Amino acid sequence: MFLNCFLQVHTLLFQVVERQTWADDSSREDQEALLETNLHGDPCQCCKKEMSGLEDEVAHKDKEIHYLNKLLSSKDEEIRRLKDMKTPQQYPQGSPRFAEQDVLGARSSF
């Protein structure tokens, strides 16, 4: 029975990937309709458990993607800040100065 449930879940996942849809695109009832049913017509518990596990995994991956996007954004800001430090700025005296001179007091060797 477990092998049959596994094949049902595998087939369901293959259909989802083949159609290039996400779990949010179809309702929970539509997804359960594709699962194997028992004698009473209810979805198989093994399949429901597997589906729940997959949903948890997707939620975890979404959180991971959100975290990595925030990290990337912070690194982009840091890169922009460092580029600004290396870009000479014009001051009223007409001599170009670098942003790090304001912090270090002298031109550093970047």
Protein backbone atom coordinates (compact mmCIF):
# COMPACT_ATOMS: atom_id res chain seq x y z
CA MET A 1 0.00 0.00 0.00
CA PHE A 2 2.87 2.39 0.80
CA LEU A 3 4.36 1.85 -2.65
CA ASN A 4 0.99 2.63 -4.19
CA CYS A 5 0.73 5.84 -2.12
CA PHE A 6 4.28 6.79 -3.10
CA LEU A 7 3.47 6.28 -6.77
CA GLN A 8 0.31 8.37 -6.41
CA VAL A 9 2.25 11.23 -4.80
CA HIS A 10 5.02 10.92 -7.40
CA THR A 11 2.44 11.05 -10.19
CA LEU A 12 0.77 14.05 -8.59
CA LEU A 13 4.07 15.90 -8.31
CA PHE A 14 4.96 15.04 -11.89
CA GLN A 15 1.63 16.41 -13.08
CA VAL A 16 2.15 19.62 -11.13
CA VAL A 17 5.66 20.11 -12.51
CA GLU A 18 4.58 19.20 -16.02
CA ARG A 19 1.79 21.81 -15.93
CA GLN A 20 4.18 24.28 -14.25
CA THR A 21 1.68 25.21 -11.60
CA TRP A 22 2.20 25.91 -7.93
CA ALA A 23 0.26 24.61 -4.95
CA ASP A 24 -1.40 28.02 -4.58
CA ASP A 25 -2.91 27.77 -8.07
CA SER A 26 -5.35 25.05 -7.12
CA SER A 27 -7.40 24.61 -3.99
CA ARG A 28 -6.67 22.02 -1.34
CA GLU A 29 -9.82 20.13 -2.38
CA ASP A 30 -8.63 19.91 -5.99
CA GLN A 31 -5.28 18.54 -4.83
CA GLU A 32 -6.93 15.98 -2.56
CA ALA A 33 -9.16 14.86 -5.43
CA LEU A 34 -6.04 13.63 -7.22
CA LEU A 35 -4.95 11.51 -4.26
CA GLU A 36 -5.80 7.86 -3.79
CA THR A 37 -9.06 7.27 -1.90
CA ASN A 38 -9.91 4.56 0.62
CA LEU A 39 -13.06 2.40 0.72
CA HIS A 40 -15.07 5.26 2.23
CA GLY A 41 -14.01 7.68 -0.51
CA ASP A 42 -11.70 9.68 1.78
CA PRO A 43 -8.18 10.56 0.64
CA CYS A 44 -5.52 8.08 1.71
CA GLN A 45 -3.83 9.08 4.99
CA CYS A 46 -0.36 8.26 3.64
CA CYS A 47 -0.94 10.59 0.70
CA LYS A 48 -2.35 13.34 2.93
CA LYS A 49 0.67 13.03 5.24
CA GLU A 50 3.07 13.18 2.29
CA MET A 51 1.22 16.18 0.85
CA SER A 52 1.38 17.95 4.21
CA GLY A 53 5.11 17.25 4.41
CA LEU A 54 5.63 18.68 0.94
CA GLU A 55 3.64 21.80 1.84
CA ASP A 56 5.82 22.25 4.94
CA GLU A 57 8.93 21.88 2.79
CA VAL A 58 7.65 24.49 0.33
CA ALA A 59 6.92 26.89 3.21
CA HIS A 60 10.43 26.35 4.57
CA LYS A 61 11.96 26.99 1.13
CA ASP A 62 9.88 30.18 0.79
CA LYS A 63 11.27 31.43 4.11
CA GLU A 64 14.79 30.51 2.99
CA ILE A 65 14.32 32.40 -0.31
CA HIS A 66 12.99 35.44 1.58
CA TYR A 67 16.03 35.37 3.89
CA LEU A 68 18.47 35.04 0.97
CA ASN A 69 16.77 37.91 -0.89
CA LYS A 70 17.17 40.13 2.19
CA LEU A 71 20.82 39.09 2.47
CA LEU A 72 21.39 39.86 -1.21
CA SER A 73 19.76 43.26 -0.83
CA SER A 74 21.99 44.06 2.14
CA LYS A 75 25.10 43.01 0.17
CA ASP A 76 23.99 45.19 -2.76
CA GLU A 77 23.70 48.16 -0.40
CA GLU A 78 27.16 47.43 0.99
CA ILE A 79 28.62 47.28 -2.54
CA ARG A 80 27.01 50.62 -3.42
CA ARG A 81 28.38 52.15 -0.23
CA LEU A 82 31.90 50.89 -0.98
CA LYS A 83 31.71 52.16 -4.57
CA ASP A 84 30.64 55.57 -3.25
CA MET A 85 33.67 55.59 -0.97
CA LYS A 86 36.00 55.06 -3.93
CA THR A 87 34.32 57.71 -6.10
CA PRO A 88 36.00 61.14 -5.79
CA GLN A 89 33.72 63.93 -4.63
CA GLN A 90 34.21 67.56 -5.68
CA TYR A 91 34.51 70.08 -2.87
CA PRO A 92 34.31 73.89 -3.17
CA GLN A 93 38.13 74.20 -3.15
CA GLY A 94 38.15 72.32 -6.46
CA SER A 95 40.32 69.45 -5.28
CA PRO A 96 38.74 66.02 -5.52
CA ARG A 97 38.40 64.23 -2.21
CA PHE A 98 37.46 60.69 -1.41
CA ALA A 99 34.83 59.80 1.16
CA GLU A 100 37.34 57.77 3.16
CA GLN A 101 39.42 60.93 3.66
CA ASP A 102 36.64 62.31 5.80
CA VAL A 103 36.81 59.22 7.99
CA LEU A 104 40.55 58.51 7.92
CA GLY A 105 41.85 62.05 7.56
CA ALA A 106 44.18 61.12 4.70
CA ARG A 107 43.94 59.38 1.37
CA SER A 108 44.20 55.63 1.82
CA SER A 109 45.54 53.21 -0.77
CA PHE A 110 42.41 51.45 -2.01
